Protein backbone atom coordinates (compact mmCIF):
# COMPACT_ATOMS: atom_id res chain seq x y z
CA MET A 1 17.70 -14.39 2.77
CA LYS A 2 19.89 -13.84 5.83
CA VAL A 3 18.00 -12.09 8.63
CA PHE A 4 19.48 -10.47 11.76
CA VAL A 5 17.03 -10.05 14.65
CA THR A 6 17.29 -8.22 17.97
CA GLY A 7 14.68 -9.13 20.58
CA GLY A 8 14.24 -12.49 18.89
CA ARG A 9 13.73 -14.42 22.12
CA GLY A 10 10.70 -12.47 23.34
CA PHE A 11 7.00 -13.15 22.86
CA VAL A 12 6.84 -11.61 19.39
CA GLY A 13 10.36 -12.55 18.34
CA THR A 14 10.14 -16.24 19.12
CA PHE A 15 7.12 -16.77 16.89
CA LEU A 16 8.36 -14.46 14.13
CA THR A 17 11.82 -16.02 13.84
CA ARG A 18 10.33 -19.49 13.61
CA GLU A 19 8.00 -18.32 10.85
CA LEU A 20 10.96 -16.77 9.02
CA ALA A 21 12.85 -20.06 9.28
CA ARG A 22 9.78 -21.95 8.09
CA HIS A 23 9.74 -19.74 4.99
CA GLY A 24 13.33 -20.64 4.17
CA HIS A 25 15.25 -17.74 5.70
CA GLU A 26 18.47 -18.07 7.68
CA VAL A 27 18.07 -16.23 10.99
CA THR A 28 20.63 -14.86 13.44
CA ILE A 29 19.20 -13.84 16.83
CA LEU A 30 21.23 -11.47 18.98
CA SER A 31 20.98 -12.68 22.58
CA ARG A 32 22.46 -11.18 25.74
CA ARG A 33 23.77 -14.61 26.74
CA GLU A 34 25.04 -17.68 24.99
CA MET A 35 22.24 -19.89 23.68
CA PRO A 36 22.50 -23.45 22.37
CA PRO A 37 21.05 -24.16 18.93
CA ASP A 38 17.51 -25.53 18.74
CA PRO A 39 17.49 -28.83 16.80
CA ALA A 40 13.88 -28.16 15.77
CA TYR A 41 14.96 -24.96 13.97
CA PRO A 42 18.41 -25.50 12.44
CA ALA A 43 18.09 -22.30 10.36
CA ILE A 44 18.07 -20.21 13.56
CA ASN A 45 21.44 -19.31 15.08
CA PHE A 46 22.28 -17.30 18.18
CA LEU A 47 24.92 -14.61 18.63
CA ALA A 48 25.86 -13.32 22.09
CA GLY A 49 25.87 -9.57 22.57
CA ASP A 50 24.17 -6.64 24.27
CA PRO A 51 22.38 -4.51 21.64
CA THR A 52 22.49 -1.41 23.85
CA ARG A 53 26.30 -1.52 23.86
CA GLU A 54 28.76 -1.33 21.02
CA GLY A 55 30.58 -4.64 20.56
CA PRO A 56 31.85 -7.33 18.19
CA TRP A 57 28.26 -8.28 17.32
CA MET A 58 28.03 -5.14 15.20
CA SER A 59 30.51 -6.50 12.66
CA VAL A 60 28.10 -9.33 11.85
CA VAL A 61 25.17 -7.07 10.91
CA PRO A 62 26.45 -6.10 7.43
CA ASP A 63 26.54 -9.79 6.46
CA HIS A 64 22.74 -9.89 6.57
CA ASP A 65 20.17 -8.80 4.00
CA TRP A 66 17.34 -7.98 6.39
CA ILE A 67 17.59 -6.53 9.89
CA ILE A 68 14.59 -6.71 12.22
CA ASN A 69 14.78 -4.71 15.43
CA LEU A 70 12.37 -5.94 18.13
CA ALA A 71 14.42 -5.17 21.24
CA GLY A 72 13.07 -3.14 24.14
CA ALA A 73 12.27 -3.44 27.83
CA SER A 74 8.63 -4.22 28.59
CA VAL A 75 6.23 -1.30 29.11
CA PHE A 76 3.61 -3.54 30.76
CA THR A 77 4.43 -2.65 34.35
CA ARG A 78 4.33 0.23 36.81
CA TRP A 79 6.68 2.95 35.56
CA SER A 80 9.24 4.16 38.07
CA PRO A 81 11.66 6.84 36.85
CA ALA A 82 14.37 4.16 36.62
CA HIS A 83 12.16 1.83 34.58
CA LYS A 84 11.14 4.64 32.22
CA GLY A 85 14.83 5.24 31.65
CA GLU A 86 15.33 1.55 30.88
CA ILE A 87 12.34 1.53 28.50
CA TYR A 88 13.79 4.51 26.66
CA ASP A 89 17.46 3.50 26.54
CA SER A 90 16.78 -0.11 25.54
CA ARG A 91 15.06 1.14 22.38
CA ILE A 92 17.08 4.22 21.46
CA LEU A 93 20.54 2.79 22.10
CA THR A 94 19.79 -0.51 20.34
CA THR A 95 18.46 1.27 17.27
CA ARG A 96 21.37 3.72 17.24
CA ASN A 97 23.88 0.85 17.38
CA LEU A 98 22.13 -1.04 14.59
CA VAL A 99 22.25 2.02 12.32
CA ALA A 100 25.95 2.44 13.13
CA ALA A 101 26.51 -1.21 12.23
CA LEU A 102 24.63 -0.76 8.95
CA ALA A 103 26.92 2.16 8.12
CA SER A 104 29.87 -0.22 7.85
CA GLY A 105 28.15 -2.31 5.18
CA ASP A 106 28.69 -1.99 1.45
CA ARG A 107 25.36 -3.16 0.02
CA ARG A 108 21.69 -2.20 0.17
CA GLN A 109 19.80 -3.75 3.07
CA PHE A 110 16.29 -3.71 4.48
CA PHE A 111 15.83 -2.44 8.03
CA CYS A 112 12.53 -3.14 9.87
CA SER A 113 12.56 -1.28 13.16
CA THR A 114 9.73 -1.70 15.63
CA SER A 115 7.70 1.17 16.97
CA ALA A 116 4.22 1.10 18.53
CA ILE A 117 0.79 2.63 18.16
CA GLY A 118 1.61 4.52 21.35
CA TYR A 119 3.10 6.96 18.82
CA TYR A 120 -0.39 8.46 18.40
CA GLY A 121 -1.10 8.98 22.09
CA PRO A 122 -4.66 8.77 23.49
CA ARG A 123 -6.98 10.03 20.74
CA GLY A 124 -10.52 8.97 21.67
CA GLU A 125 -12.76 8.20 18.68
CA GLU A 126 -10.34 9.41 15.98
CA ASP A 127 -9.45 7.00 13.16
CA LEU A 128 -5.66 6.88 13.13
CA THR A 129 -3.54 6.06 10.07
CA GLU A 130 0.15 6.36 9.33
CA GLU A 131 -0.48 9.98 8.32
CA SER A 132 -1.94 10.97 11.70
CA PRO A 133 0.23 13.25 13.88
CA PRO A 134 1.91 11.98 17.05
CA GLY A 135 0.71 12.40 20.61
CA ASN A 136 2.68 14.03 23.41
CA ASP A 137 2.67 11.58 26.33
CA PHE A 138 5.65 9.47 27.38
CA LEU A 139 5.04 6.61 24.93
CA ALA A 140 4.36 9.00 22.05
CA ARG A 141 7.58 10.92 22.65
CA LEU A 142 9.46 7.63 23.01
CA ALA A 143 8.07 6.35 19.70
CA GLN A 144 9.00 9.58 17.92
CA ASP A 145 12.61 9.41 19.14
CA TRP A 146 12.78 5.67 18.41
CA GLU A 147 11.55 6.12 14.85
CA ALA A 148 13.87 9.07 14.26
CA GLU A 149 16.88 6.91 15.16
CA ALA A 150 15.76 4.17 12.76
CA LEU A 151 15.05 6.54 9.88
CA LYS A 152 18.65 7.80 9.99
CA ALA A 153 19.51 4.58 8.14
CA ARG A 154 17.87 6.03 5.04
CA ASP A 155 20.87 8.36 4.72
CA LEU A 156 22.96 5.23 4.19
CA GLY A 157 20.84 4.05 1.28
CA VAL A 158 19.05 1.51 3.47
CA ARG A 159 15.36 0.89 2.96
CA VAL A 160 13.59 1.47 6.30
CA ALA A 161 10.15 0.38 7.44
CA VAL A 162 8.99 1.41 10.91
CA THR A 163 6.44 -1.13 12.13
CA ARG A 164 3.99 0.38 14.60
CA PHE A 165 2.71 -2.61 16.56
CA GLY A 166 -0.76 -2.86 17.98
CA LEU A 167 -1.36 -5.33 20.80
CA VAL A 168 -0.19 -8.70 19.50
CA LEU A 169 -2.46 -11.67 20.22
CA GLY A 170 -0.94 -15.07 20.90
CA PRO A 171 -1.89 -17.87 23.30
CA ASP A 172 1.36 -17.93 25.25
CA GLY A 173 2.11 -14.34 26.22
CA GLY A 174 1.37 -10.71 25.53
CA VAL A 175 -1.96 -9.21 26.50
CA LEU A 176 -3.77 -12.57 26.33
CA GLY A 177 -1.17 -14.08 28.63
CA GLN A 178 -2.29 -11.55 31.24
CA MET A 179 -6.03 -11.68 30.59
CA VAL A 180 -6.76 -15.38 30.04
CA PRO A 181 -5.75 -16.54 33.56
CA LEU A 182 -8.11 -13.94 35.07
CA PHE A 183 -11.01 -15.09 32.89
CA LYS A 184 -10.35 -18.73 33.72
CA ARG A 185 -10.61 -17.81 37.42
CA PHE A 186 -13.93 -16.05 36.72
CA LEU A 187 -12.33 -12.63 37.27
CA GLY A 188 -12.51 -11.32 33.72
CA GLY A 189 -14.29 -8.27 32.41
CA PRO A 190 -13.88 -4.83 30.86
CA VAL A 191 -11.17 -2.48 32.08
CA GLY A 192 -12.22 0.93 33.35
CA PRO A 193 -15.01 2.41 31.21
CA GLY A 194 -14.75 -0.37 28.60
CA THR A 195 -15.33 2.15 25.79
CA GLN A 196 -11.65 2.66 24.95
CA TRP A 197 -10.44 1.27 21.63
CA PHE A 198 -8.30 -1.87 21.47
CA SER A 199 -6.12 -2.09 18.34
CA TRP A 200 -4.76 -5.60 17.96
CA ILE A 201 -3.20 -8.05 15.51
CA HIS A 202 -3.04 -11.85 15.40
CA ARG A 203 0.56 -13.01 15.66
CA LEU A 204 0.32 -14.95 12.40
CA ASP A 205 -0.89 -11.88 10.51
CA GLN A 206 1.95 -9.93 12.08
CA ALA A 207 4.51 -12.44 10.81
CA ARG A 208 2.83 -12.45 7.39
CA ALA A 209 2.97 -8.65 7.34
CA PHE A 210 6.74 -8.72 7.88
CA LEU A 211 7.12 -11.09 4.93
CA PHE A 212 4.80 -8.87 2.88
CA LEU A 213 7.02 -5.84 3.54
CA LYS A 214 10.05 -7.80 2.43
CA ASP A 215 8.36 -8.67 -0.87
CA ASN A 216 7.03 -5.15 -1.53
CA PRO A 217 10.01 -2.79 -1.59
CA GLU A 218 7.86 0.24 -2.40
CA ILE A 219 6.57 0.21 1.21
CA GLN A 220 8.76 2.39 3.41
CA GLY A 221 8.47 4.55 6.50
CA PRO A 222 5.81 3.97 9.17
CA VAL A 223 3.46 0.99 8.77
CA ASN A 224 0.63 0.22 11.21
CA PHE A 225 0.66 -3.45 12.23
CA THR A 226 -2.94 -3.68 13.41
CA ALA A 227 -5.99 -5.63 12.27
CA PRO A 228 -8.55 -3.67 10.22
CA GLN A 229 -11.29 -4.16 12.82
CA PRO A 230 -10.29 -2.61 16.16
CA VAL A 231 -12.76 -3.20 18.97
CA ARG A 232 -13.72 -1.52 22.21
CA ASN A 233 -12.37 -2.97 25.42
CA ARG A 234 -15.77 -4.29 26.50
CA GLU A 235 -16.12 -6.09 23.14
CA LEU A 236 -12.75 -7.73 23.77
CA ALA A 237 -13.96 -8.89 27.19
CA ARG A 238 -17.17 -10.33 25.77
CA ALA A 239 -15.38 -12.13 22.92
CA LEU A 240 -12.79 -13.58 25.29
CA GLY A 241 -15.51 -14.74 27.66
CA ARG A 242 -17.37 -16.46 24.82
CA VAL A 243 -14.31 -18.34 23.57
CA LEU A 244 -13.26 -19.43 27.07
CA GLY A 245 -16.78 -20.19 28.29
CA ARG A 246 -16.44 -17.78 31.19
CA PRO A 247 -18.41 -14.73 32.35
CA SER A 248 -17.04 -11.35 31.30
CA PHE A 249 -18.94 -8.90 33.44
CA LEU A 250 -16.54 -8.26 36.34
CA PRO A 251 -14.95 -4.85 35.58
CA ALA A 252 -11.53 -3.67 36.72
CA PRO A 253 -12.26 -0.17 38.12
CA ALA A 254 -10.13 2.68 36.80
CA PHE A 255 -9.11 3.82 40.28
CA MET A 256 -7.77 0.36 41.08
CA LEU A 257 -5.68 0.29 37.91
CA ARG A 258 -4.26 3.69 38.73
CA LEU A 259 -3.29 2.46 42.19
CA LEU A 260 -1.63 -0.67 40.77
CA LEU A 261 -0.06 0.68 37.60
CA GLY A 262 0.40 4.39 38.16
CA GLU A 263 1.11 6.32 34.95
CA PHE A 264 0.91 3.22 32.76
CA ALA A 265 -2.75 2.80 33.74
CA GLU A 266 -3.65 5.74 31.49
CA VAL A 267 -2.41 3.77 28.47
CA VAL A 268 -4.76 0.92 29.36
CA LEU A 269 -7.69 3.23 30.11
CA THR A 270 -7.51 5.32 26.93
CA GLY A 271 -6.35 3.34 23.88
CA GLN A 272 -6.34 4.20 20.19
CA LYS A 273 -8.37 3.29 17.12
CA VAL A 274 -5.58 2.49 14.66
CA LEU A 275 -6.11 1.31 11.08
CA PRO A 276 -3.61 -0.50 8.78
CA GLN A 277 -3.99 1.89 5.87
CA LYS A 278 -0.60 1.25 4.22
CA LEU A 279 -0.80 -2.53 4.37
CA GLN A 280 -4.28 -2.65 2.91
CA ALA A 281 -3.52 -0.07 0.21
CA ALA A 282 -0.59 -2.25 -0.88
CA GLY A 283 -2.85 -5.32 -1.14
CA PHE A 284 -2.16 -7.15 2.12
CA SER A 285 -5.02 -9.49 3.09
CA PHE A 286 -5.51 -10.35 6.75
CA ASP A 287 -6.22 -13.97 7.65
CA PHE A 288 -7.79 -12.69 10.88
CA PRO A 289 -9.42 -9.30 10.28
CA GLY A 290 -11.96 -9.80 13.09
CA LEU A 291 -11.42 -10.47 16.77
CA ASP A 292 -13.82 -13.42 17.14
CA GLY A 293 -12.04 -15.46 14.49
CA ALA A 294 -8.64 -14.57 15.90
CA LEU A 295 -9.54 -15.62 19.45
CA GLU A 296 -11.20 -18.81 18.28
CA ASN A 297 -8.06 -19.71 16.33
CA LEU A 298 -5.77 -18.95 19.27
CA LEU A 299 -7.82 -20.13 22.24
CA GLY A 300 -10.82 -22.13 21.03
CA GLU A 301 -11.25 -25.89 21.31
CA GLY A 302 -9.84 -26.39 17.82
CA LYS A 303 -7.06 -23.83 18.29
CA LYS A 304 -4.37 -23.92 15.61
CA ALA A 305 -1.94 -21.02 16.08
């Protein structure tokens, strides 16, 4: 299968595209600048183009069977008004351009467009599934607009799955890339109250979930990409401390996070308890349903992933 990927050079995209190539797919990654081919992955090609702008790259999209949209500016920083605009535009404009490119095709395609569990907003102890209503903070409104743009492709006869990502765990970036260095310097611990829910997914299960969607065409619309066993933030800290052999008792006070991160701190201090109802109902089996096994696989002495 020919796969077109935006955001394929980021933390999630790099691992996913290599897994797609390993499973025999031919991958085209849209990159803002020219990139040389990687001899280790001859099935991965690069195409120069800015996904937020219309351009010649759009004519290539209809040649692909499967389009995966991962592009978007990072939310893991202090949000100035300018950065919030960049976060929003990078997602909405990219998705809008991809749908426009799909409109010029003449065959049925599969469009996987990323969203995030921020769609639900802060919801305390509530179990959240794909049927739960959205929140009303900045990330929730962003996710609603983002998903609405992607779902317009259904009017073209395109099958659309909106993948709501939890926090993706991998050893070389993402949330662990920020937390592990602190723990190794004996500065790790729970964040704020430590009671907030942490909905996560191992990067290998995430890649397997994408392949599962491809093979199960009855799955459409929103799909939670989270492990079935979310944990509280303090449980995450304890598990990470155990795997790394470091203490995990030094908390990051809420007031300090608010000073450092501003509005984004509320996302870290609240969290959501999100469950992968659609994936499990369709028969998907997680290799890493629990956090301890996932962290041991990623960071333990015998780490594999």
